[in-house]
Amino acid sequence: MQKTVVLNIVGLTPSLIGEHTPFLSSWSSTGIASVQPVLPAVTCTVQATYLTGKQPSEHGIVANGWYFRDECEIKFWRQSNKLVQAPKVWEIAKELDPNFTCANLFWWYNMYSSVNYAVTPRPMYPADGRKIPDIYTQPGKLRSQLQDDLGQFPLFNFWGPNTSIRSTQWIAESAKWVEEHHNPTLSLVYLPHLDYCLQKYGPDTNKVAQDLQEIDAVCSDLIQYYENRGVQVIVLSEYGITPVSQPVHLNRMLREHGLLKVREELGRELLDPGASKAFAVADHQIAHVYVNDPFYIPKVRSLLEEIEGVAYVLDDVEKPAYGLDHGRSGELIAVSQPDSWFTYYYWLDDKNAPDFARTVDIHRKPGYDPVELFLDPQIKLPQVKIGLKLLKKKLGFRYLMDVIPLDADLVRGSHGCIPPSPTEGPLLITKQTHLLDSSSIKANDVCSLILRHLF
């Protein structure tokens, strides 16, 4: 076996490699292969496809979140590896050689898997309402060992308006720590930094120049570290982020036509999916639309196709062509135009929005919300407001960190649909070019390519 590391540099595309990424520009000079993306091109779906070599119809990860029909609840960012319904690359490798070991550093669905070493974000939520940064590890003792040596995982730099290179740097250092202490055959390392700035500003190299330089520095350190230890390096990305200018509110349209229902709690409105005839689970540029009463499917499809910003709609006949014919998918799947994206917003008046709408809360929101990357521009002296709320927290009072805006127009980059050109899509870089059959690789062939590097 040949030791291998896969660095997942989220959002990296051929068009972003240039003057602001001198190390990656030099290191990738042997050639960059484009990856033909899977639909939807979102984190969990793409990662599951890379790691299993299967389509979403086979591995079951149809999005970052979906409607759990038996519970009548929408759930995003689940973490159990049991949700992935196909063998993973490390399981295949272990069958080929029982001495094979794998470390998974922050790729998703990283809890209760069969990897040898796992590290993933897992905040603590005490009963008093606090959210405390923490990680989940396998074996369990890694949790204290890593944070004793590297410091507490910087969760609030991992997602939200305070995102920075710090979280990516911590992940890179944790990968080196695991390499030195456990020497895994395969390391999977997630480096998410570019994902944040590109969704905020779009793929404008002038606006994200510093971020490109920061991720390039991390890659320079990490790649040279592994190569000095004789480890093969694969650089991979999940998707390209395209510029967007039009948020599309599918759920508001469904509500206006009497198809989506809400319930009121303390003067706020909550989506009631079990009582709705139809609702959309929005995830970047794709939305799974669940229609509880089949009678309404033709009507819902017609309404979706009339919305500006919707490129096309898939039904049960069309889903198999995209590998999305799975029970977790909605009855209909809406895909946006490249310059548009779907919000989860379902309220018709902001004063009725749920209290979590103005907070960073990835689990309560019934859809993905990139607006969590922004501080509300209407708040005067936002740092003062945040400081006062943190003081309340320290004093033991209840508080609500309601500093996120409800202005979807702030978002300038998104992903999920197939990008307009390969230069704006995901990539794969390896110096083992003899293992590549062409300059383009299908997303579900990444698994076999990793195995060819190992064996």
Protein backbone atom coordinates (compact mmCIF):
# COMPACT_ATOMS: atom_id res chain seq x y z
CA MET A 1 0.00 0.00 0.00
CA GLN A 2 1.08 3.58 -0.67
CA LYS A 3 0.09 6.11 1.98
CA THR A 4 -2.23 8.77 0.60
CA VAL A 5 -3.90 11.97 1.82
CA VAL A 6 -6.92 13.63 0.19
CA LEU A 7 -7.14 17.37 0.85
CA ASN A 8 -10.69 18.58 0.21
CA ILE A 9 -10.24 22.30 -0.51
CA VAL A 10 -13.86 23.39 -0.68
CA GLY A 11 -14.75 25.79 -3.48
CA LEU A 12 -11.38 25.62 -5.26
CA THR A 13 -11.71 25.78 -9.05
CA PRO A 14 -9.18 26.07 -11.89
CA SER A 15 -10.17 29.72 -12.35
CA LEU A 16 -9.14 30.55 -8.76
CA ILE A 17 -5.63 29.13 -9.06
CA GLY A 18 -3.35 32.01 -10.08
CA GLU A 19 -1.44 34.96 -8.73
CA HIS A 20 -2.95 34.70 -5.24
CA THR A 21 -2.11 31.00 -4.91
CA PRO A 22 1.59 30.76 -5.80
CA PHE A 23 2.16 27.41 -4.10
CA LEU A 24 -0.87 25.68 -5.60
CA SER A 25 -0.11 27.21 -9.01
CA SER A 26 3.35 25.66 -8.95
CA TRP A 27 2.32 22.38 -7.36
CA SER A 28 -0.52 21.81 -9.84
CA SER A 29 1.63 22.51 -12.89
CA THR A 30 1.66 18.81 -13.81
CA GLY A 31 -2.02 19.11 -14.65
CA ILE A 32 -5.48 19.64 -13.23
CA ALA A 33 -8.35 17.28 -13.95
CA SER A 34 -11.86 18.65 -13.90
CA VAL A 35 -14.49 16.72 -11.96
CA GLN A 36 -17.89 16.25 -13.58
CA PRO A 37 -20.10 17.22 -10.64
CA VAL A 38 -23.00 15.27 -9.26
CA LEU A 39 -26.40 16.93 -8.80
CA PRO A 40 -26.86 18.48 -6.32
CA ALA A 41 -23.33 19.83 -6.03
CA VAL A 42 -23.56 20.33 -2.26
CA THR A 43 -21.28 19.18 0.54
CA CYS A 44 -22.92 16.02 1.85
CA THR A 45 -24.04 14.67 -1.52
CA VAL A 46 -20.68 15.24 -3.18
CA GLN A 47 -18.67 13.80 -0.31
CA ALA A 48 -20.84 10.68 -0.15
CA THR A 49 -20.44 10.24 -3.91
CA TYR A 50 -16.65 10.64 -3.72
CA LEU A 51 -16.34 8.19 -0.82
CA THR A 52 -18.66 5.47 -2.14
CA GLY A 53 -18.38 5.76 -5.92
CA LYS A 54 -22.18 5.61 -6.05
CA GLN A 55 -24.94 7.96 -7.14
CA PRO A 56 -27.27 9.60 -4.58
CA SER A 57 -29.94 7.06 -5.57
CA GLU A 58 -27.62 4.36 -4.17
CA HIS A 59 -25.93 6.03 -1.19
CA GLY A 60 -29.03 7.98 -0.12
CA ILE A 61 -27.46 11.38 0.58
CA VAL A 62 -29.69 13.46 -1.68
CA ALA A 63 -28.78 16.80 -0.09
CA ASN A 64 -27.35 18.37 3.07
CA GLY A 65 -30.73 17.75 4.65
CA TRP A 66 -34.12 16.35 3.78
CA TYR A 67 -37.62 15.63 5.10
CA PHE A 68 -37.73 12.66 7.45
CA ARG A 69 -41.17 11.47 6.42
CA ASP A 70 -41.83 9.16 9.37
CA GLU A 71 -41.10 11.98 11.83
CA CYS A 72 -42.61 14.81 9.74
CA GLU A 73 -39.48 16.83 10.42
CA ILE A 74 -36.86 18.52 8.25
CA LYS A 75 -33.34 17.83 9.46
CA PHE A 76 -30.07 19.27 8.20
CA TRP A 77 -26.47 18.39 8.97
CA ARG A 78 -27.05 15.00 10.57
CA GLN A 79 -23.78 13.34 11.55
CA SER A 80 -24.29 9.59 11.78
CA ASN A 81 -22.40 7.63 9.15
CA LYS A 82 -25.24 5.10 9.24
CA LEU A 83 -27.20 7.43 6.96
CA VAL A 84 -24.82 6.65 4.08
CA GLN A 85 -26.28 3.54 2.48
CA ALA A 86 -23.27 2.22 0.54
CA PRO A 87 -19.76 0.92 1.37
CA LYS A 88 -17.16 3.65 1.80
CA VAL A 89 -13.66 3.78 0.35
CA TRP A 90 -12.04 2.80 3.65
CA GLU A 91 -14.29 -0.24 3.97
CA ILE A 92 -13.37 -1.38 0.46
CA ALA A 93 -9.68 -0.79 1.22
CA LYS A 94 -9.86 -2.81 4.45
CA GLU A 95 -11.24 -5.76 2.51
CA LEU A 96 -8.28 -5.54 0.14
CA ASP A 97 -5.75 -5.28 2.98
CA PRO A 98 -6.65 -5.81 6.67
CA ASN A 99 -3.65 -3.66 7.69
CA PHE A 100 -5.20 -0.57 6.07
CA THR A 101 -6.15 2.28 8.42
CA CYS A 102 -8.04 5.51 7.76
CA ALA A 103 -8.31 8.92 9.44
CA ASN A 104 -11.28 11.16 8.66
CA LEU A 105 -10.67 14.77 9.63
CA PHE A 106 -13.92 16.74 9.35
CA TRP A 107 -15.48 15.17 6.26
CA TRP A 108 -19.20 14.90 6.97
CA TYR A 109 -21.12 11.90 8.37
CA ASN A 110 -18.09 11.25 10.54
CA MET A 111 -19.75 9.85 13.66
CA TYR A 112 -20.09 6.11 14.35
CA SER A 113 -18.30 5.13 11.16
CA SER A 114 -15.80 2.31 10.60
CA VAL A 115 -12.77 4.60 10.18
CA ASN A 116 -9.94 4.10 12.66
CA TYR A 117 -9.60 7.76 13.59
CA ALA A 118 -12.33 10.40 13.32
CA VAL A 119 -12.49 14.07 14.29
CA THR A 120 -15.58 16.18 13.62
CA PRO A 121 -17.29 19.28 15.12
CA ARG A 122 -19.75 18.47 17.88
CA PRO A 123 -20.71 21.42 20.11
CA MET A 124 -21.99 20.88 23.63
CA TYR A 125 -25.51 22.18 24.33
CA PRO A 126 -26.02 22.43 28.12
CA ALA A 127 -29.57 22.79 29.43
CA ASP A 128 -29.05 26.50 30.13
CA GLY A 129 -29.01 27.23 26.39
CA ARG A 130 -25.28 27.71 25.86
CA LYS A 131 -23.40 26.41 22.82
CA ILE A 132 -19.87 25.39 23.74
CA PRO A 133 -17.27 24.59 21.06
CA ASP A 134 -16.19 20.96 21.09
CA ILE A 135 -15.40 17.98 18.87
CA TYR A 136 -16.39 14.32 18.61
CA THR A 137 -13.57 11.85 18.10
CA GLN A 138 -12.96 8.20 17.56
CA PRO A 139 -11.36 6.83 19.65
CA GLY A 140 -12.83 8.99 22.39
CA LYS A 141 -9.49 9.84 24.03
CA LEU A 142 -8.47 11.81 20.91
CA ARG A 143 -10.91 14.53 21.97
CA SER A 144 -8.89 15.63 25.00
CA GLN A 145 -5.51 14.84 23.46
CA LEU A 146 -6.09 17.08 20.44
CA GLN A 147 -7.59 19.99 22.36
CA ASP A 148 -4.93 19.79 25.06
CA ASP A 149 -2.23 20.10 22.39
CA LEU A 150 -3.95 22.35 19.83
CA GLY A 151 -6.40 24.31 21.97
CA GLN A 152 -10.18 24.27 21.82
CA PHE A 153 -11.57 23.79 18.32
CA PRO A 154 -12.56 27.32 17.10
CA LEU A 155 -16.17 26.48 16.30
CA PHE A 156 -17.27 30.10 15.89
CA ASN A 157 -14.63 30.55 13.18
CA PHE A 158 -15.93 27.42 11.40
CA TRP A 159 -19.33 28.86 10.46
CA GLY A 160 -21.19 32.15 10.92
CA PRO A 161 -20.26 35.82 10.54
CA ASN A 162 -16.99 35.29 12.41
CA THR A 163 -15.60 32.66 10.04
CA SER A 164 -11.86 32.85 9.43
CA ILE A 165 -8.81 30.82 8.46
CA ARG A 166 -8.40 29.76 12.12
CA SER A 167 -10.75 26.78 11.86
CA THR A 168 -9.06 25.50 8.69
CA GLN A 169 -5.65 25.93 10.32
CA TRP A 170 -6.83 23.94 13.35
CA ILE A 171 -8.08 21.12 11.10
CA ALA A 172 -4.74 21.08 9.25
CA GLU A 173 -2.83 20.89 12.54
CA SER A 174 -5.11 18.10 13.77
CA ALA A 175 -4.36 16.15 10.57
CA LYS A 176 -0.63 16.46 11.21
CA TRP A 177 -1.15 15.42 14.85
CA VAL A 178 -3.03 12.28 13.82
CA GLU A 179 -0.40 11.50 11.16
CA GLU A 180 2.43 11.73 13.68
CA HIS A 181 0.70 9.76 16.43
CA HIS A 182 -1.20 7.12 14.41
CA ASN A 183 0.31 6.97 10.90
CA PRO A 184 -2.93 6.17 8.97
CA THR A 185 -2.73 4.71 5.47
CA LEU A 186 -5.36 7.15 4.18
CA SER A 187 -6.13 10.58 5.58
CA LEU A 188 -9.20 12.55 4.50
CA VAL A 189 -8.77 16.22 5.38
CA TYR A 190 -11.49 18.87 4.98
CA LEU A 191 -10.26 22.46 4.43
CA PRO A 192 -13.39 24.66 4.21
CA HIS A 193 -12.01 28.22 4.29
CA LEU A 194 -12.84 29.31 0.73
CA ASP A 195 -16.44 28.19 1.11
CA TYR A 196 -17.22 31.12 3.40
CA CYS A 197 -15.81 34.05 1.45
CA LEU A 198 -17.00 32.77 -1.91
CA GLN A 199 -20.60 32.56 -0.71
CA LYS A 200 -20.36 36.06 0.74
CA TYR A 201 -18.64 37.78 -2.17
CA GLY A 202 -18.87 35.40 -5.12
CA PRO A 203 -15.83 34.15 -7.09
CA ASP A 204 -14.29 37.62 -7.44
CA THR A 205 -10.54 37.14 -7.02
CA ASN A 206 -10.09 40.79 -6.06
CA LYS A 207 -12.49 40.46 -3.11
CA VAL A 208 -11.21 37.08 -1.96
CA ALA A 209 -7.50 37.64 -2.64
CA GLN A 210 -6.55 37.46 1.04
CA ASP A 211 -8.60 34.29 1.54
CA LEU A 212 -6.89 32.66 -1.45
CA GLN A 213 -3.49 33.59 -0.02
CA GLU A 214 -4.48 32.16 3.38
CA ILE A 215 -5.64 28.80 2.02
CA ASP A 216 -2.57 28.65 -0.23
CA ALA A 217 -0.34 29.05 2.84
CA VAL A 218 -2.15 26.24 4.67
CA CYS A 219 -1.85 23.98 1.62
CA SER A 220 1.83 24.82 1.21
CA ASP A 221 2.56 23.80 4.79
CA LEU A 222 0.37 20.69 4.74
CA ILE A 223 1.37 19.33 1.32
CA GLN A 224 5.07 19.76 1.97
CA TYR A 225 4.63 18.15 5.39
CA TYR A 226 3.01 15.04 3.87
CA GLU A 227 5.38 14.81 0.91
CA ASN A 228 8.37 14.96 3.27
CA ARG A 229 6.89 11.88 4.95
CA GLY A 230 6.52 10.06 1.62
CA VAL A 231 2.73 10.44 1.47
CA GLN A 232 0.98 10.88 -1.89
CA VAL A 233 -1.28 13.94 -2.01
CA ILE A 234 -4.57 14.31 -3.85
CA VAL A 235 -6.11 17.79 -3.91
CA LEU A 236 -9.85 17.70 -4.47
CA SER A 237 -12.77 20.11 -4.33
CA GLU A 238 -16.49 19.47 -4.07
CA TYR A 239 -17.98 22.19 -6.25
CA GLY A 240 -17.42 25.59 -7.77
CA ILE A 241 -19.26 28.61 -6.49
CA THR A 242 -20.89 30.82 -9.11
CA PRO A 243 -22.00 34.45 -8.77
CA VAL A 244 -25.65 34.92 -7.84
CA SER A 245 -27.90 37.97 -7.72
CA GLN A 246 -31.41 36.54 -7.29
CA PRO A 247 -32.73 34.77 -4.19
CA VAL A 248 -35.87 32.73 -4.91
CA HIS A 249 -38.46 32.17 -2.15
CA LEU A 250 -40.20 28.93 -3.13
CA ASN A 251 -41.95 28.42 0.20
CA ARG A 252 -43.51 31.88 0.15
CA MET A 253 -45.01 31.09 -3.24
CA LEU A 254 -46.36 27.75 -1.98
CA ARG A 255 -47.83 29.48 1.05
CA GLU A 256 -49.47 32.18 -1.04
CA HIS A 257 -51.23 29.41 -2.99
CA GLY A 258 -52.50 27.76 0.18
CA LEU A 259 -50.22 24.74 -0.04
CA LEU A 260 -47.83 25.44 2.86
CA LYS A 261 -49.05 25.63 6.45
CA VAL A 262 -47.52 27.32 9.49
CA ARG A 263 -48.26 27.19 13.19
CA GLU A 264 -47.95 30.14 15.55
CA GLU A 265 -45.84 29.93 18.68
CA LEU A 266 -45.48 33.01 20.91
CA GLY A 267 -46.37 35.27 18.03
CA ARG A 268 -43.86 33.67 15.65
CA GLU A 269 -44.52 31.42 12.68
CA LEU A 270 -43.07 27.93 12.31
CA LEU A 271 -43.28 25.82 9.17
CA ASP A 272 -45.58 22.85 9.74
CA PRO A 273 -44.45 20.32 7.11
CA GLY A 274 -46.70 17.48 8.28
CA ALA A 275 -49.80 19.66 7.83
CA SER A 276 -48.71 21.16 4.50
CA LYS A 277 -49.82 19.94 1.12
CA ALA A 278 -46.42 20.96 -0.27
CA PHE A 279 -43.23 22.63 0.92
CA ALA A 280 -39.67 23.04 -0.31
CA VAL A 281 -36.49 22.01 1.51
CA ALA A 282 -34.12 24.58 0.08
CA ASP A 283 -30.43 23.71 -0.20
CA HIS A 284 -28.38 26.30 -2.09
CA GLN A 285 -29.42 25.97 -5.75
CA ILE A 286 -31.56 22.88 -5.38
CA ALA A 287 -34.80 22.27 -3.51
CA HIS A 288 -36.49 18.99 -2.74
CA VAL A 289 -40.21 19.74 -2.91
CA TYR A 290 -42.31 17.34 -0.87
CA VAL A 291 -45.97 17.01 -1.87
CA ASN A 292 -47.91 15.20 0.84
CA ASP A 293 -51.00 14.84 -1.33
CA PRO A 294 -50.16 13.35 -4.78
CA PHE A 295 -53.22 15.07 -6.24
CA TYR A 296 -51.35 18.37 -6.06
CA ILE A 297 -48.15 17.27 -7.83
CA PRO A 298 -49.14 18.64 -11.28
CA LYS A 299 -50.23 21.95 -9.77
CA VAL A 300 -47.06 22.33 -7.71
CA ARG A 301 -44.87 21.53 -10.69
CA SER A 302 -46.66 24.08 -12.81
CA LEU A 303 -46.24 26.75 -10.12
CA LEU A 304 -42.53 25.99 -9.71
CA GLU A 305 -41.85 26.15 -13.44
CA GLU A 306 -43.42 29.60 -13.62
CA ILE A 307 -41.07 31.11 -11.01
CA GLU A 308 -38.30 33.34 -12.29
CA GLY A 309 -34.96 31.81 -11.32
CA VAL A 310 -36.07 28.16 -11.60
CA ALA A 311 -34.23 26.44 -14.45
CA TYR A 312 -36.05 23.10 -14.45
CA VAL A 313 -38.07 20.71 -12.31
CA LEU A 314 -37.59 16.94 -12.02
CA ASP A 315 -40.35 14.45 -11.30
CA ASP A 316 -40.25 10.67 -10.80
CA VAL A 317 -39.73 10.09 -14.52
CA GLU A 318 -36.77 12.47 -14.77
CA LYS A 319 -35.02 11.90 -11.42
CA PRO A 320 -33.31 8.60 -12.44
CA ALA A 321 -31.30 10.39 -15.15
CA TYR A 322 -29.67 12.46 -12.37
CA GLY A 323 -29.30 9.64 -9.89
CA LEU A 324 -31.84 11.20 -7.54
CA ASP A 325 -34.55 8.53 -7.54
CA HIS A 326 -34.44 7.82 -3.83
CA GLY A 327 -37.13 7.77 -1.15
CA ARG A 328 -35.51 10.72 0.63
CA SER A 329 -35.94 12.95 -2.42
CA GLY A 330 -38.99 15.11 -2.76
CA GLU A 331 -41.77 14.28 -5.16
CA LEU A 332 -40.36 17.14 -7.23
CA ILE A 333 -36.85 18.62 -7.36
CA ALA A 334 -36.35 22.24 -8.40
CA VAL A 335 -32.98 23.39 -9.76
CA SER A 336 -32.19 27.09 -10.00
CA GLN A 337 -30.70 29.15 -12.76
CA PRO A 338 -26.92 29.67 -12.29
CA ASP A 339 -27.44 33.27 -11.09
CA SER A 340 -30.15 32.31 -8.56
CA TRP A 341 -30.46 30.34 -5.32
CA PHE A 342 -33.29 29.14 -3.07
CA THR A 343 -34.04 30.50 0.41
CA TYR A 344 -35.91 28.57 3.08
CA TYR A 345 -38.01 31.65 3.97
CA TYR A 346 -41.70 30.87 4.37
CA TRP A 347 -43.04 33.86 6.37
CA LEU A 348 -44.67 36.73 4.50
CA ASP A 349 -43.81 39.44 7.04
CA ASP A 350 -40.42 39.66 8.78
CA LYS A 351 -42.04 40.50 12.09
CA ASN A 352 -43.49 36.97 12.09
CA ALA A 353 -40.18 35.24 11.36
CA PRO A 354 -39.19 32.64 13.99
CA ASP A 355 -36.69 33.77 16.61
CA PHE A 356 -34.02 31.43 15.23
CA ALA A 357 -34.18 33.12 11.80
CA ARG A 358 -31.94 35.94 13.04
CA THR A 359 -29.44 33.58 14.67
CA VAL A 360 -26.83 31.07 13.55
CA ASP A 361 -28.87 27.89 13.98
CA ILE A 362 -28.17 25.25 11.37
CA HIS A 363 -30.37 22.61 12.99
CA ARG A 364 -33.64 24.49 13.63
CA LYS A 365 -33.87 26.11 10.22
CA PRO A 366 -35.84 23.96 7.73
CA GLY A 367 -33.34 24.69 4.98
CA TYR A 368 -29.85 25.98 4.33
CA ASP A 369 -29.24 29.65 5.21
CA PRO A 370 -26.08 31.31 3.83
CA VAL A 371 -27.23 34.64 5.28
CA GLU A 372 -25.78 33.31 8.56
CA LEU A 373 -22.41 34.45 7.21
CA PHE A 374 -23.42 38.11 7.65
CA LEU A 375 -23.96 40.47 10.56
CA ASP A 376 -27.13 42.51 10.19
CA PRO A 377 -26.05 45.81 8.57
CA GLN A 378 -29.02 47.52 10.25
CA ILE A 379 -27.45 46.99 13.69
CA LYS A 380 -25.48 50.01 14.85
CA LEU A 381 -22.26 49.04 16.63
CA PRO A 382 -22.82 45.27 16.20
CA GLN A 383 -19.73 44.38 18.25
CA VAL A 384 -21.17 46.29 21.19
CA LYS A 385 -24.46 44.40 20.87
CA ILE A 386 -22.63 41.08 20.68
CA GLY A 387 -20.50 42.01 23.67
CA LEU A 388 -23.56 42.83 25.78
CA LYS A 389 -25.20 39.54 24.85
CA LEU A 390 -22.05 37.62 25.74
CA LEU A 391 -22.02 39.45 29.08
CA LYS A 392 -25.59 38.25 29.70
CA LYS A 393 -24.40 34.75 28.87
CA LYS A 394 -21.54 34.94 31.37
CA LEU A 395 -23.87 36.29 34.05
CA GLY A 396 -26.22 33.36 33.55
CA PHE A 397 -29.10 35.27 31.93
CA ARG A 398 -31.05 34.01 28.94
CA TYR A 399 -30.03 35.68 25.72
CA LEU A 400 -30.68 35.47 21.98
CA MET A 401 -27.78 36.14 19.61
CA ASP A 402 -30.12 37.70 17.04
CA VAL A 403 -27.55 39.46 14.87
CA ILE A 404 -28.19 37.75 11.51
CA PRO A 405 -30.12 39.73 8.87
CA LEU A 406 -33.13 38.55 6.88
CA ASP A 407 -31.82 40.07 3.64
CA ALA A 408 -31.11 37.28 1.17
CA ASP A 409 -29.83 39.80 -1.38
CA LEU A 410 -26.57 39.97 0.60
CA VAL A 411 -25.48 36.54 -0.68
CA ARG A 412 -23.30 36.81 -3.79
CA GLY A 413 -22.19 33.22 -4.40
CA SER A 414 -23.88 29.82 -4.42
CA HIS A 415 -23.60 26.27 -5.73
CA GLY A 416 -25.65 23.15 -6.27
CA CYS A 417 -26.49 23.22 -9.97
CA ILE A 418 -24.05 22.18 -12.68
CA PRO A 419 -21.58 25.06 -13.26
CA PRO A 420 -21.47 26.80 -16.66
CA SER A 421 -17.94 25.57 -17.51
CA PRO A 422 -15.27 23.17 -16.14
CA THR A 423 -13.06 26.11 -15.11
CA GLU A 424 -15.79 27.10 -12.64
CA GLY A 425 -16.35 23.58 -11.36
CA PRO A 426 -14.61 21.16 -8.99
CA LEU A 427 -11.13 19.83 -9.66
CA LEU A 428 -8.73 17.05 -8.81
CA ILE A 429 -4.95 17.41 -8.74
CA THR A 430 -2.46 14.59 -8.36
CA LYS A 431 1.18 14.15 -9.29
CA GLN A 432 0.37 10.50 -10.05
CA THR A 433 -0.93 11.51 -13.46
CA HIS A 434 -0.42 8.00 -14.84
CA LEU A 435 -3.44 6.99 -12.74
CA LEU A 436 -5.69 9.45 -14.59
CA ASP A 437 -7.39 8.20 -17.74
CA SER A 438 -8.23 11.69 -19.00
CA SER A 439 -8.33 15.36 -18.04
CA SER A 440 -11.90 14.93 -16.78
CA ILE A 441 -13.20 12.51 -14.16
CA LYS A 442 -16.74 11.69 -13.07
CA ALA A 443 -17.57 12.41 -9.43
CA ASN A 444 -18.44 8.76 -8.77
CA ASP A 445 -15.03 7.66 -10.16
CA VAL A 446 -13.11 9.53 -7.44
CA CYS A 447 -13.49 6.55 -5.08
CA SER A 448 -11.77 4.16 -7.48
CA LEU A 449 -9.03 6.73 -8.17
CA ILE A 450 -8.26 6.96 -4.45
CA LEU A 451 -8.05 3.16 -4.33
CA ARG A 452 -5.64 3.17 -7.30
CA HIS A 453 -3.40 5.58 -5.39
CA LEU A 454 -3.46 3.31 -2.34
CA PHE A 455 -2.91 -0.01 -4.16
